Amino acid sequence: MSEVKRVIATEEASKLIKRLQEKYGDLLFHQSGGCCDGSSPMCYEQGDFIIGDNDVLLGSIENCPFYMSKAQFQYWKHTQLIIDVVEGRGGMFSLEGPEGVRFLTRSRVYSDDEKDRLT
């Protein structure tokens, strides 16, 4: 049986992440909880965003750790996050902003079988 991940990236998102890694080095993601930049996945250079005790590591996409607050995770724990890219301006603090595109979180609910295989 294959493992089931909590967060994955589309092909387009993976391409953008790789471009950003070439430009900025090691990156990390944090799923915004709806404050300044809505509820977008925010991309930062590692070290530019401080991960706290109230953040949960969901996994990684393109070797970039992906975090979310514990409180928000309680609402999303039954879903797989699918990080995608769409045209338009994203969060002003997220690294993809100057690229003319933004990361977007899509989601889908896990099947009962998948819940048993979460990693």
PDB file of N, CA and C in Angstrom:
ATOM      1  N   MET A   1       0.831  -1.188   0.000  1.00  0.00           N
ATOM      2  CA  MET A   1       0.000   0.000   0.000  1.00  0.00           C
ATOM      3  C   MET A   1       0.875   1.250   0.000  1.00  0.00           C
ATOM      4  N   SER A   2       0.463   2.226  -0.739  1.00  0.00           N
ATOM      5  CA  SER A   2       1.227   3.463  -0.800  1.00  0.00           C
ATOM      6  C   SER A   2       0.856   4.391   0.352  1.00  0.00           C
ATOM      7  N   GLU A   3       1.813   5.227   0.701  1.00  0.00           N
ATOM      8  CA  GLU A   3       1.571   6.175   1.772  1.00  0.00           C
ATOM      9  C   GLU A   3       0.656   7.296   1.293  1.00  0.00           C
ATOM     10  N   VAL A   4      -0.021   7.905   2.220  1.00  0.00           N
ATOM     11  CA  VAL A   4      -0.893   9.033   1.911  1.00  0.00           C
ATOM     12  C   VAL A   4      -0.309  10.253   2.606  1.00  0.00           C
ATOM     13  N   LYS A   5      -0.086  11.288   1.847  1.00  0.00           N
ATOM     14  CA  LYS A   5       0.525  12.505   2.383  1.00  0.00           C
ATOM     15  C   LYS A   5      -0.545  13.534   2.728  1.00  0.00           C
ATOM     16  N   ARG A   6      -0.232  14.356   3.708  1.00  0.00           N
ATOM     17  CA  ARG A   6      -1.153  15.420   4.121  1.00  0.00           C
ATOM     18  C   ARG A   6      -1.097  16.618   3.181  1.00  0.00           C
ATOM     19  N   VAL A   7       0.042  16.808   2.516  1.00  0.00           N
ATOM     20  CA  VAL A   7       0.183  17.937   1.601  1.00  0.00           C
ATOM     21  C   VAL A   7       0.970  17.471   0.376  1.00  0.00           C
ATOM     22  N   ILE A   8       0.478  17.865  -0.800  1.00  0.00           N
ATOM     23  CA  ILE A   8       1.146  17.556  -2.063  1.00  0.00           C
ATOM     24  C   ILE A   8       1.120  18.811  -2.931  1.00  0.00           C
ATOM     25  N   ALA A   9       1.878  18.801  -4.009  1.00  0.00           N
ATOM     26  CA  ALA A   9       1.925  19.929  -4.938  1.00  0.00           C
ATOM     27  C   ALA A   9       1.591  19.450  -6.340  1.00  0.00           C
ATOM     28  N   THR A  10       0.901  20.308  -7.081  1.00  0.00           N
ATOM     29  CA  THR A  10       0.650  20.011  -8.482  1.00  0.00           C
ATOM     30  C   THR A  10       1.958  20.171  -9.249  1.00  0.00           C
ATOM     31  N   GLU A  11       1.965  19.720 -10.481  1.00  0.00           N
ATOM     32  CA  GLU A  11       3.157  19.856 -11.317  1.00  0.00           C
ATOM     33  C   GLU A  11       3.552  21.324 -11.474  1.00  0.00           C
ATOM     34  N   GLU A  12       2.562  22.191 -11.704  1.00  0.00           N
ATOM     35  CA  GLU A  12       2.843  23.629 -11.858  1.00  0.00           C
ATOM     36  C   GLU A  12       3.411  24.228 -10.584  1.00  0.00           C
ATOM     37  N   ALA A  13       2.864  23.834  -9.442  1.00  0.00           N
ATOM     38  CA  ALA A  13       3.380  24.335  -8.169  1.00  0.00           C
ATOM     39  C   ALA A  13       4.810  23.853  -7.959  1.00  0.00           C
ATOM     40  N   SER A  14       5.082  22.601  -8.292  1.00  0.00           N
ATOM     41  CA  SER A  14       6.434  22.065  -8.147  1.00  0.00           C
ATOM     42  C   SER A  14       7.434  22.837  -9.005  1.00  0.00           C
ATOM     43  N   LYS A  15       7.056  23.156 -10.218  1.00  0.00           N
ATOM     44  CA  LYS A  15       7.931  23.936 -11.096  1.00  0.00           C
ATOM     45  C   LYS A  15       8.235  25.312 -10.500  1.00  0.00           C
ATOM     46  N   LEU A  16       7.197  25.965  -9.973  1.00  0.00           N
ATOM     47  CA  LEU A  16       7.391  27.286  -9.380  1.00  0.00           C
ATOM     48  C   LEU A  16       8.268  27.191  -8.132  1.00  0.00           C
ATOM     49  N   ILE A  17       8.040  26.196  -7.316  1.00  0.00           N
ATOM     50  CA  ILE A  17       8.856  26.027  -6.104  1.00  0.00           C
ATOM     51  C   ILE A  17      10.323  25.860  -6.491  1.00  0.00           C
ATOM     52  N   LYS A  18      10.597  25.062  -7.503  1.00  0.00           N
ATOM     53  CA  LYS A  18      11.977  24.846  -7.933  1.00  0.00           C
ATOM     54  C   LYS A  18      12.617  26.152  -8.423  1.00  0.00           C
ATOM     55  N   ARG A  19      11.848  26.966  -9.161  1.00  0.00           N
ATOM     56  CA  ARG A  19      12.370  28.269  -9.606  1.00  0.00           C
ATOM     57  C   ARG A  19      12.683  29.157  -8.403  1.00  0.00           C
ATOM     58  N   LEU A  20      11.789  29.154  -7.424  1.00  0.00           N
ATOM     59  CA  LEU A  20      12.001  29.978  -6.232  1.00  0.00           C
ATOM     60  C   LEU A  20      13.191  29.475  -5.417  1.00  0.00           C
ATOM     61  N   GLN A  21      13.390  28.160  -5.375  1.00  0.00           N
ATOM     62  CA  GLN A  21      14.540  27.605  -4.668  1.00  0.00           C
ATOM     63  C   GLN A  21      15.854  28.041  -5.335  1.00  0.00           C
ATOM     64  N   GLU A  22      15.858  28.066  -6.672  1.00  0.00           N
ATOM     65  CA  GLU A  22      17.059  28.520  -7.386  1.00  0.00           C
ATOM     66  C   GLU A  22      17.365  29.973  -7.057  1.00  0.00           C
ATOM     67  N   LYS A  23      16.332  30.748  -6.885  1.00  0.00           N
ATOM     68  CA  LYS A  23      16.476  32.181  -6.631  1.00  0.00           C
ATOM     69  C   LYS A  23      16.780  32.494  -5.167  1.00  0.00           C
ATOM     70  N   TYR A  24      16.116  31.784  -4.239  1.00  0.00           N
ATOM     71  CA  TYR A  24      16.184  32.148  -2.822  1.00  0.00           C
ATOM     72  C   TYR A  24      16.847  31.108  -1.921  1.00  0.00           C
ATOM     73  N   GLY A  25      17.041  29.903  -2.384  1.00  0.00           N
ATOM     74  CA  GLY A  25      17.613  28.860  -1.536  1.00  0.00           C
ATOM     75  C   GLY A  25      16.530  28.068  -0.824  1.00  0.00           C
ATOM     76  N   ASP A  26      16.825  27.638   0.404  1.00  0.00           N
ATOM     77  CA  ASP A  26      15.881  26.811   1.170  1.00  0.00           C
ATOM     78  C   ASP A  26      14.620  27.596   1.524  1.00  0.00           C
ATOM     79  N   LEU A  27      13.475  26.950   1.312  1.00  0.00           N
ATOM     80  CA  LEU A  27      12.184  27.587   1.533  1.00  0.00           C
ATOM     81  C   LEU A  27      11.367  26.812   2.554  1.00  0.00           C
ATOM     82  N   LEU A  28      10.315  27.465   3.047  1.00  0.00           N
ATOM     83  CA  LEU A  28       9.312  26.787   3.857  1.00  0.00           C
ATOM     84  C   LEU A  28       7.960  27.394   3.532  1.00  0.00           C
ATOM     85  N   PHE A  29       6.913  26.619   3.811  1.00  0.00           N
ATOM     86  CA  PHE A  29       5.546  27.077   3.603  1.00  0.00           C
ATOM     87  C   PHE A  29       4.803  27.088   4.930  1.00  0.00           C
ATOM     88  N   HIS A  30       3.893  28.050   5.045  1.00  0.00           N
ATOM     89  CA  HIS A  30       2.985  28.086   6.187  1.00  0.00           C
ATOM     90  C   HIS A  30       1.607  28.441   5.637  1.00  0.00           C
ATOM     91  N   GLN A  31       0.637  27.601   5.954  1.00  0.00           N
ATOM     92  CA  GLN A  31      -0.735  27.860   5.514  1.00  0.00           C
ATOM     93  C   GLN A  31      -1.290  29.010   6.336  1.00  0.00           C
ATOM     94  N   SER A  32      -1.539  30.129   5.671  1.00  0.00           N
ATOM     95  CA  SER A  32      -2.068  31.303   6.359  1.00  0.00           C
ATOM     96  C   SER A  32      -3.448  30.999   6.913  1.00  0.00           C
ATOM     97  N   GLY A  33      -3.724  31.557   8.061  1.00  0.00           N
ATOM     98  CA  GLY A  33      -5.000  31.304   8.730  1.00  0.00           C
ATOM     99  C   GLY A  33      -6.066  32.328   8.444  1.00  0.00           C
ATOM    100  N   GLY A  34      -5.861  33.201   7.497  1.00  0.00           N
ATOM    101  CA  GLY A  34      -6.910  34.139   7.132  1.00  0.00           C
ATOM    102  C   GLY A  34      -6.666  35.568   7.540  1.00  0.00           C
ATOM    103  N   CYS A  35      -5.506  35.880   8.048  1.00  0.00           N
ATOM    104  CA  CYS A  35      -5.208  37.251   8.474  1.00  0.00           C
ATOM    105  C   CYS A  35      -4.890  38.116   7.253  1.00  0.00           C
ATOM    106  N   CYS A  36      -3.744  38.707   7.252  1.00  0.00           N
ATOM    107  CA  CYS A  36      -3.359  39.687   6.229  1.00  0.00           C
ATOM    108  C   CYS A  36      -3.519  39.194   4.800  1.00  0.00           C
ATOM    109  N   ASP A  37      -3.140  37.977   4.539  1.00  0.00           N
ATOM    110  CA  ASP A  37      -3.135  37.470   3.170  1.00  0.00           C
ATOM    111  C   ASP A  37      -4.180  36.389   2.941  1.00  0.00           C
ATOM    112  N   GLY A  38      -5.292  36.474   3.625  1.00  0.00           N
ATOM    113  CA  GLY A  38      -6.357  35.503   3.426  1.00  0.00           C
ATOM    114  C   GLY A  38      -5.961  34.144   3.943  1.00  0.00           C
ATOM    115  N   SER A  39      -6.292  33.111   3.202  1.00  0.00           N
ATOM    116  CA  SER A  39      -5.941  31.754   3.632  1.00  0.00           C
ATOM    117  C   SER A  39      -5.083  31.087   2.571  1.00  0.00           C
ATOM    118  N   SER A  40      -4.057  31.783   2.165  1.00  0.00           N
ATOM    119  CA  SER A  40      -3.146  31.289   1.133  1.00  0.00           C
ATOM    120  C   SER A  40      -1.968  30.554   1.747  1.00  0.00           C
ATOM    121  N   PRO A  41      -1.397  29.607   0.997  1.00  0.00           N
ATOM    122  CA  PRO A  41      -0.136  29.030   1.449  1.00  0.00           C
ATOM    123  C   PRO A  41       0.961  30.064   1.203  1.00  0.00           C
ATOM    124  N   MET A  42       1.658  30.416   2.243  1.00  0.00           N
ATOM    125  CA  MET A  42       2.682  31.445   2.154  1.00  0.00           C
ATOM    126  C   MET A  42       4.054  30.791   2.041  1.00  0.00           C
ATOM    127  N   CYS A  43       4.864  31.275   1.114  1.00  0.00           N
ATOM    128  CA  CYS A  43       6.196  30.734   0.851  1.00  0.00           C
ATOM    129  C   CYS A  43       7.244  31.740   1.343  1.00  0.00           C
ATOM    130  N   TYR A  44       8.158  31.261   2.170  1.00  0.00           N
ATOM    131  CA  TYR A  44       9.188  32.116   2.765  1.00  0.00           C
ATOM    132  C   TYR A  44      10.561  31.478   2.597  1.00  0.00           C
ATOM    133  N   GLU A  45      11.597  32.303   2.668  1.00  0.00           N
ATOM    134  CA  GLU A  45      12.941  31.761   2.816  1.00  0.00           C
ATOM    135  C   GLU A  45      13.023  31.179   4.220  1.00  0.00           C
ATOM    136  N   GLN A  46      13.677  30.034   4.348  1.00  0.00           N
ATOM    137  CA  GLN A  46      13.822  29.461   5.690  1.00  0.00           C
ATOM    138  C   GLN A  46      14.558  30.474   6.561  1.00  0.00           C
ATOM    139  N   GLY A  47      14.029  30.682   7.748  1.00  0.00           N
ATOM    140  CA  GLY A  47      14.588  31.662   8.672  1.00  0.00           C
ATOM    141  C   GLY A  47      13.835  32.975   8.670  1.00  0.00           C
ATOM    142  N   ASP A  48      13.031  33.235   7.627  1.00  0.00           N
ATOM    143  CA  ASP A  48      12.258  34.477   7.561  1.00  0.00           C
ATOM    144  C   ASP A  48      10.898  34.362   8.236  1.00  0.00           C
ATOM    145  N   PHE A  49      10.496  33.169   8.575  1.00  0.00           N
ATOM    146  CA  PHE A  49       9.226  32.955   9.286  1.00  0.00           C
ATOM    147  C   PHE A  49       9.532  32.046  10.470  1.00  0.00           C
ATOM    148  N   ILE A  50       9.145  32.468  11.639  1.00  0.00           N
ATOM    149  CA  ILE A  50       9.454  31.693  12.838  1.00  0.00           C
ATOM    150  C   ILE A  50       8.325  30.706  13.122  1.00  0.00           C
ATOM    151  N   ILE A  51       8.693  29.438  13.134  1.00  0.00           N
ATOM    152  CA  ILE A  51       7.750  28.369  13.458  1.00  0.00           C
ATOM    153  C   ILE A  51       7.670  28.282  14.977  1.00  0.00           C
ATOM    154  N   GLY A  52       6.439  28.208  15.493  1.00  0.00           N
ATOM    155  CA  GLY A  52       6.260  28.177  16.931  1.00  0.00           C
ATOM    156  C   GLY A  52       5.697  26.859  17.433  1.00  0.00           C
ATOM    157  N   ASP A  53       5.506  26.797  18.738  1.00  0.00           N
ATOM    158  CA  ASP A  53       4.952  25.595  19.374  1.00  0.00           C
ATOM    159  C   ASP A  53       3.521  25.319  18.927  1.00  0.00           C
ATOM    160  N   ASN A  54       2.845  26.314  18.386  1.00  0.00           N
ATOM    161  CA  ASN A  54       1.460  26.142  17.951  1.00  0.00           C
ATOM    162  C   ASN A  54       1.349  25.817  16.471  1.00  0.00           C
ATOM    163  N   ASP A  55       2.464  25.442  15.852  1.00  0.00           N
ATOM    164  CA  ASP A  55       2.453  25.058  14.442  1.00  0.00           C
ATOM    165  C   ASP A  55       2.689  23.558  14.303  1.00  0.00           C
ATOM    166  N   VAL A  56       2.063  22.978  13.284  1.00  0.00           N
ATOM    167  CA  VAL A  56       2.151  21.545  13.001  1.00  0.00           C
ATOM    168  C   VAL A  56       2.842  21.363  11.650  1.00  0.00           C
ATOM    169  N   LEU A  57       3.814  20.469  11.593  1.00  0.00           N
ATOM    170  CA  LEU A  57       4.461  20.122  10.335  1.00  0.00           C
ATOM    171  C   LEU A  57       3.588  19.083   9.640  1.00  0.00           C
ATOM    172  N   LEU A  58       3.052  19.429   8.470  1.00  0.00           N
ATOM    173  CA  LEU A  58       2.181  18.514   7.734  1.00  0.00           C
ATOM    174  C   LEU A  58       2.958  17.585   6.809  1.00  0.00           C
ATOM    175  N   GLY A  59       4.135  18.004   6.429  1.00  0.00           N
ATOM    176  CA  GLY A  59       4.938  17.248   5.475  1.00  0.00           C
ATOM    177  C   GLY A  59       5.816  18.220   4.716  1.00  0.00           C
ATOM    178  N   SER A  60       6.184  17.838   3.502  1.00  0.00           N
ATOM    179  CA  SER A  60       6.994  18.735   2.679  1.00  0.00           C
ATOM    180  C   SER A  60       6.574  18.613   1.224  1.00  0.00           C
ATOM    181  N   ILE A  61       6.821  19.690   0.501  1.00  0.00           N
ATOM    182  CA  ILE A  61       6.623  19.698  -0.952  1.00  0.00           C
ATOM    183  C   ILE A  61       7.926  20.207  -1.561  1.00  0.00           C
ATOM    184  N   GLU A  62       8.480  19.435  -2.477  1.00  0.00           N
ATOM    185  CA  GLU A  62       9.782  19.757  -3.088  1.00  0.00           C
ATOM    186  C   GLU A  62      10.836  20.057  -2.022  1.00  0.00           C
ATOM    187  N   ASN A  63      10.866  19.234  -0.989  1.00  0.00           N
ATOM    188  CA  ASN A  63      11.830  19.355   0.113  1.00  0.00           C
ATOM    189  C   ASN A  63      11.677  20.634   0.925  1.00  0.00           C
ATOM    190  N   CYS A  64      10.513  21.246   0.856  1.00  0.00           N
ATOM    191  CA  CYS A  64      10.219  22.438   1.649  1.00  0.00           C
ATOM    192  C   CYS A  64       9.207  22.048   2.729  1.00  0.00           C
ATOM    193  N   PRO A  65       9.530  22.236   3.999  1.00  0.00           N
ATOM    194  CA  PRO A  65       8.563  21.903   5.044  1.00  0.00           C
ATOM    195  C   PRO A  65       7.307  22.749   4.915  1.00  0.00           C
ATOM    196  N   PHE A  66       6.174  22.147   5.250  1.00  0.00           N
ATOM    197  CA  PHE A  66       4.872  22.822   5.132  1.00  0.00           C
ATOM    198  C   PHE A  66       4.181  22.763   6.497  1.00  0.00           C
ATOM    199  N   TYR A  67       3.881  23.933   7.065  1.00  0.00           N
ATOM    200  CA  TYR A  67       3.312  24.051   8.403  1.00  0.00           C
ATOM    201  C   TYR A  67       1.921  24.683   8.372  1.00  0.00           C
ATOM    202  N   MET A  68       1.215  24.463   9.468  1.00  0.00           N
ATOM    203  CA  MET A  68      -0.109  25.053   9.689  1.00  0.00           C
ATOM    204  C   MET A  68      -0.288  25.165  11.205  1.00  0.00           C
ATOM    205  N   SER A  69      -1.074  26.128  11.637  1.00  0.00           N
ATOM    206  CA  SER A  69      -1.306  26.249  13.080  1.00  0.00           C
ATOM    207  C   SER A  69      -2.101  25.044  13.580  1.00  0.00           C
ATOM    208  N   LYS A  70      -1.878  24.674  14.838  1.00  0.00           N
ATOM    209  CA  LYS A  70      -2.592  23.544  15.438  1.00  0.00           C
ATOM    210  C   LYS A  70      -4.103  23.768  15.398  1.00  0.00           C
ATOM    211  N   ALA A  71      -4.528  24.978  15.704  1.00  0.00           N
ATOM    212  CA  ALA A  71      -5.966  25.276  15.721  1.00  0.00           C
ATOM    213  C   ALA A  71      -6.572  25.090  14.338  1.00  0.00           C
ATOM    214  N   GLN A  72      -5.898  25.574  13.318  1.00  0.00           N
ATOM    215  CA  GLN A  72      -6.401  25.433  11.951  1.00  0.00           C
ATOM    216  C   GLN A  72      -6.369  23.969  11.512  1.00  0.00           C
ATOM    217  N   PHE A  73      -5.341  23.247  11.944  1.00  0.00           N
ATOM    218  CA  PHE A  73      -5.220  21.836  11.587  1.00  0.00           C
ATOM    219  C   PHE A  73      -6.445  21.037  12.051  1.00  0.00           C
ATOM    220  N   GLN A  74      -7.031  21.406  13.169  1.00  0.00           N
ATOM    221  CA  GLN A  74      -8.211  20.697  13.667  1.00  0.00           C
ATOM    222  C   GLN A  74      -9.353  20.732  12.649  1.00  0.00           C
ATOM    223  N   TYR A  75      -9.436  21.796  11.862  1.00  0.00           N
ATOM    224  CA  TYR A  75     -10.474  21.894  10.832  1.00  0.00           C
ATOM    225  C   TYR A  75     -10.092  21.157   9.545  1.00  0.00           C
ATOM    226  N   TRP A  76      -8.798  21.042   9.278  1.00  0.00           N
ATOM    227  CA  TRP A  76      -8.313  20.507   8.010  1.00  0.00           C
ATOM    228  C   TRP A  76      -7.794  19.079   8.111  1.00  0.00           C
ATOM    229  N   LYS A  77      -7.772  18.482   9.290  1.00  0.00           N
ATOM    230  CA  LYS A  77      -7.099  17.192   9.465  1.00  0.00           C
ATOM    231  C   LYS A  77      -7.717  16.051   8.666  1.00  0.00           C
ATOM    232  N   HIS A  78      -8.908  16.206   8.177  1.00  0.00           N
ATOM    233  CA  HIS A  78      -9.577  15.164   7.386  1.00  0.00           C
ATOM    234  C   HIS A  78      -9.385  15.370   5.888  1.00  0.00           C
ATOM    235  N   THR A  79      -8.552  16.350   5.529  1.00  0.00           N
ATOM    236  CA  THR A  79      -8.370  16.667   4.113  1.00  0.00           C
ATOM    237  C   THR A  79      -6.903  16.676   3.720  1.00  0.00           C
ATOM    238  N   GLN A  80      -6.676  16.344   2.471  1.00  0.00           N
ATOM    239  CA  GLN A  80      -5.339  16.471   1.899  1.00  0.00           C
ATOM    240  C   GLN A  80      -5.248  17.850   1.261  1.00  0.00           C
ATOM    241  N   LEU A  81      -4.174  18.565   1.555  1.00  0.00           N
ATOM    242  CA  LEU A  81      -3.952  19.867   0.934  1.00  0.00           C
ATOM    243  C   LEU A  81      -3.211  19.669  -0.375  1.00  0.00           C
ATOM    244  N   ILE A  82      -3.710  20.299  -1.416  1.00  0.00           N
ATOM    245  CA  ILE A  82      -3.106  20.215  -2.742  1.00  0.00           C
ATOM    246  C   ILE A  82      -2.692  21.632  -3.119  1.00  0.00           C
ATOM    247  N   ILE A  83      -1.397  21.875  -3.142  1.00  0.00           N
ATOM    248  CA  ILE A  83      -0.890  23.212  -3.422  1.00  0.00           C
ATOM    249  C   ILE A  83      -0.767  23.372  -4.930  1.00  0.00           C
ATOM    250  N   ASP A  84      -1.424  24.420  -5.425  1.00  0.00           N
ATOM    251  CA  ASP A  84      -1.493  24.684  -6.853  1.00  0.00           C
ATOM    252  C   ASP A  84      -1.021  26.116  -7.102  1.00  0.00           C
ATOM    253  N   VAL A  85      -0.999  26.524  -8.362  1.00  0.00           N
ATOM    254  CA  VAL A  85      -0.606  27.871  -8.760  1.00  0.00           C
ATOM    255  C   VAL A  85      -1.676  28.423  -9.692  1.00  0.00           C
ATOM    256  N   VAL A  86      -2.046  29.676  -9.477  1.00  0.00           N
ATOM    257  CA  VAL A  86      -2.976  30.363 -10.361  1.00  0.00           C
ATOM    258  C   VAL A  86      -2.396  31.741 -10.687  1.00  0.00           C
ATOM    259  N   GLU A  87      -2.853  32.324 -11.774  1.00  0.00           N
ATOM    260  CA  GLU A  87      -2.404  33.665 -12.154  1.00  0.00           C
ATOM    261  C   GLU A  87      -2.970  34.697 -11.195  1.00  0.00           C
ATOM    262  N   GLY A  88      -2.233  35.784 -11.045  1.00  0.00           N
ATOM    263  CA  GLY A  88      -2.690  36.880 -10.209  1.00  0.00           C
ATOM    264  C   GLY A  88      -1.760  37.123  -9.039  1.00  0.00           C
ATOM    265  N   ARG A  89      -1.946  38.248  -8.402  1.00  0.00           N
ATOM    266  CA  ARG A  89      -1.120  38.618  -7.250  1.00  0.00           C
ATOM    267  C   ARG A  89      -1.560  37.865  -6.022  1.00  0.00           C
ATOM    268  N   GLY A  90      -0.593  37.336  -5.327  1.00  0.00           N
ATOM    269  CA  GLY A  90      -0.878  36.625  -4.086  1.00  0.00           C
ATOM    270  C   GLY A  90      -0.564  37.473  -2.885  1.00  0.00           C
ATOM    271  N   GLY A  91      -0.232  36.821  -1.806  1.00  0.00           N
ATOM    272  CA  GLY A  91       0.101  37.505  -0.570  1.00  0.00           C
ATOM    273  C   GLY A  91       1.344  38.360  -0.721  1.00  0.00           C
ATOM    274  N   MET A  92       1.302  39.524  -0.129  1.00  0.00           N
ATOM    275  CA  MET A  92       2.416  40.449  -0.305  1.00  0.00           C
ATOM    276  C   MET A  92       3.688  39.970   0.392  1.00  0.00           C
ATOM    277  N   PHE A  93       3.576  39.013   1.310  1.00  0.00           N
ATOM    278  CA  PHE A  93       4.753  38.512   2.010  1.00  0.00           C
ATOM    279  C   PHE A  93       5.282  37.221   1.399  1.00  0.00           C
ATOM    280  N   SER A  94       4.557  36.604   0.497  1.00  0.00           N
ATOM    281  CA  SER A  94       4.945  35.326  -0.077  1.00  0.00           C
ATOM    282  C   SER A  94       5.872  35.543  -1.274  1.00  0.00           C
ATOM    283  N   LEU A  95       6.890  34.699  -1.405  1.00  0.00           N
ATOM    284  CA  LEU A  95       7.953  34.900  -2.392  1.00  0.00           C
ATOM    285  C   LEU A  95       7.498  34.848  -3.843  1.00  0.00           C
ATOM    286  N   GLU A  96       6.387  34.201  -4.134  1.00  0.00           N
ATOM    287  CA  GLU A  96       5.974  34.087  -5.542  1.00  0.00           C
ATOM    288  C   GLU A  96       5.317  35.354  -6.068  1.00  0.00           C
ATOM    289  N   GLY A  97       5.020  36.314  -5.217  1.00  0.00           N
ATOM    290  CA  GLY A  97       4.331  37.543  -5.614  1.00  0.00           C
ATOM    291  C   GLY A  97       4.875  38.210  -6.860  1.00  0.00           C
ATOM    292  N   PRO A  98       6.176  38.457  -6.941  1.00  0.00           N
ATOM    293  CA  PRO A  98       6.733  39.123  -8.132  1.00  0.00           C
ATOM    294  C   PRO A  98       6.632  38.298  -9.417  1.00  0.00           C
ATOM    295  N   GLU A  99       6.303  37.024  -9.309  1.00  0.00           N
ATOM    296  CA  GLU A  99       6.226  36.154 -10.488  1.00  0.00           C
ATOM    297  C   GLU A  99       4.912  36.322 -11.262  1.00  0.00           C
ATOM    298  N   GLY A 100       3.953  37.066 -10.696  1.00  0.00           N
ATOM    299  CA  GLY A 100       2.664  37.255 -11.374  1.00  0.00           C
ATOM    300  C   GLY A 100       1.694  36.103 -11.174  1.00  0.00           C
ATOM    301  N   VAL A 101       2.036  35.210 -10.250  1.00  0.00           N
ATOM    302  CA  VAL A 101       1.189  34.064  -9.917  1.00  0.00           C
ATOM    303  C   VAL A 101       1.117  33.961  -8.401  1.00  0.00           C
ATOM    304  N   ARG A 102       0.226  33.098  -7.932  1.00  0.00           N
ATOM    305  CA  ARG A 102       0.149  32.889  -6.488  1.00  0.00           C
ATOM    306  C   ARG A 102      -0.146  31.426  -6.210  1.00  0.00           C
ATOM    307  N   PHE A 103       0.330  30.978  -5.062  1.00  0.00           N
ATOM    308  CA  PHE A 103      -0.001  29.635  -4.618  1.00  0.00           C
ATOM    309  C   PHE A 103      -1.438  29.628  -4.119  1.00  0.00           C
ATOM    310  N   LEU A 104      -2.099  28.509  -4.300  1.00  0.00           N
ATOM    311  CA  LEU A 104      -3.490  28.340  -3.893  1.00  0.00           C
ATOM    312  C   LEU A 104      -3.627  26.959  -3.281  1.00  0.00           C
ATOM    313  N   THR A 105      -4.367  26.874  -2.180  1.00  0.00           N
ATOM    314  CA  THR A 105      -4.601  25.580  -1.547  1.00  0.00           C
ATOM    315  C   THR A 105      -5.946  25.034  -1.992  1.00  0.00           C
ATOM    316  N   ARG A 106      -5.898  23.864  -2.565  1.00  0.00           N
ATOM    317  CA  ARG A 106      -7.110  23.104  -2.864  1.00  0.00           C
ATOM    318  C   ARG A 106      -7.127  21.966  -1.850  1.00  0.00           C
ATOM    319  N   SER A 107      -8.237  21.307  -1.701  1.00  0.00           N
ATOM    320  CA  SER A 107      -8.262  20.197  -0.741  1.00  0.00           C
ATOM    321  C   SER A 107      -9.255  19.143  -1.183  1.00  0.00           C
ATOM    322  N   ARG A 108      -9.081  17.974  -0.606  1.00  0.00           N
ATOM    323  CA  ARG A 108     -10.031  16.892  -0.820  1.00  0.00           C
ATOM    324  C   ARG A 108     -10.080  16.068   0.460  1.00  0.00           C
ATOM    325  N   VAL A 109     -11.238  15.499   0.743  1.00  0.00           N
ATOM    326  CA  VAL A 109     -11.434  14.710   1.948  1.00  0.00           C
ATOM    327  C   VAL A 109     -10.842  13.318   1.732  1.00  0.00           C
ATOM    328  N   TYR A 110     -10.158  12.806   2.746  1.00  0.00           N
ATOM    329  CA  TYR A 110      -9.596  11.466   2.667  1.00  0.00           C
ATOM    330  C   TYR A 110     -10.691  10.407   2.685  1.00  0.00           C
ATOM    331  N   SER A 111     -10.444   9.306   1.986  1.00  0.00           N
ATOM    332  CA  SER A 111     -11.319   8.142   2.097  1.00  0.00           C
ATOM    333  C   SER A 111     -10.998   7.458   3.432  1.00  0.00           C
ATOM    334  N   ASP A 112     -11.849   6.558   3.866  1.00  0.00           N
ATOM    335  CA  ASP A 112     -11.594   5.831   5.114  1.00  0.00           C
ATOM    336  C   ASP A 112     -10.288   5.055   5.033  1.00  0.00           C
ATOM    337  N   ASP A 113     -10.029   4.431   3.878  1.00  0.00           N
ATOM    338  CA  ASP A 113      -8.796   3.680   3.691  1.00  0.00           C
ATOM    339  C   ASP A 113      -7.575   4.599   3.792  1.00  0.00           C
ATOM    340  N   GLU A 114      -7.650   5.780   3.192  1.00  0.00           N
ATOM    341  CA  GLU A 114      -6.530   6.714   3.222  1.00  0.00           C
ATOM    342  C   GLU A 114      -6.251   7.205   4.637  1.00  0.00           C
ATOM    343  N   LYS A 115      -7.271   7.412   5.427  1.00  0.00           N
ATOM    344  CA  LYS A 115      -7.076   7.876   6.806  1.00  0.00           C
ATOM    345  C   LYS A 115      -6.169   6.926   7.571  1.00  0.00           C
ATOM    346  N   ASP A 116      -6.266   5.620   7.286  1.00  0.00           N
ATOM    347  CA  ASP A 116      -5.451   4.620   7.964  1.00  0.00           C
ATOM    348  C   ASP A 116      -4.004   4.625   7.495  1.00  0.00           C
ATOM    349  N   ARG A 117      -3.736   5.251   6.343  1.00  0.00           N
ATOM    350  CA  ARG A 117      -2.394   5.234   5.764  1.00  0.00           C
ATOM    351  C   ARG A 117      -1.711   6.599   5.773  1.00  0.00           C
ATOM    352  N   LEU A 118      -2.229   7.532   6.549  1.00  0.00           N
ATOM    353  CA  LEU A 118      -1.644   8.866   6.602  1.00  0.00           C
ATOM    354  C   LEU A 118      -0.208   8.825   7.112  1.00  0.00           C
ATOM    355  N   THR A 119       0.647   9.677   6.525  1.00  0.00           N
ATOM    356  CA  THR A 119       2.028   9.776   6.989  1.00  0.00           C
ATOM    357  C   THR A 119       2.265  11.156   7.543  1.00  0.00           C
TER     358      THR A 119
END
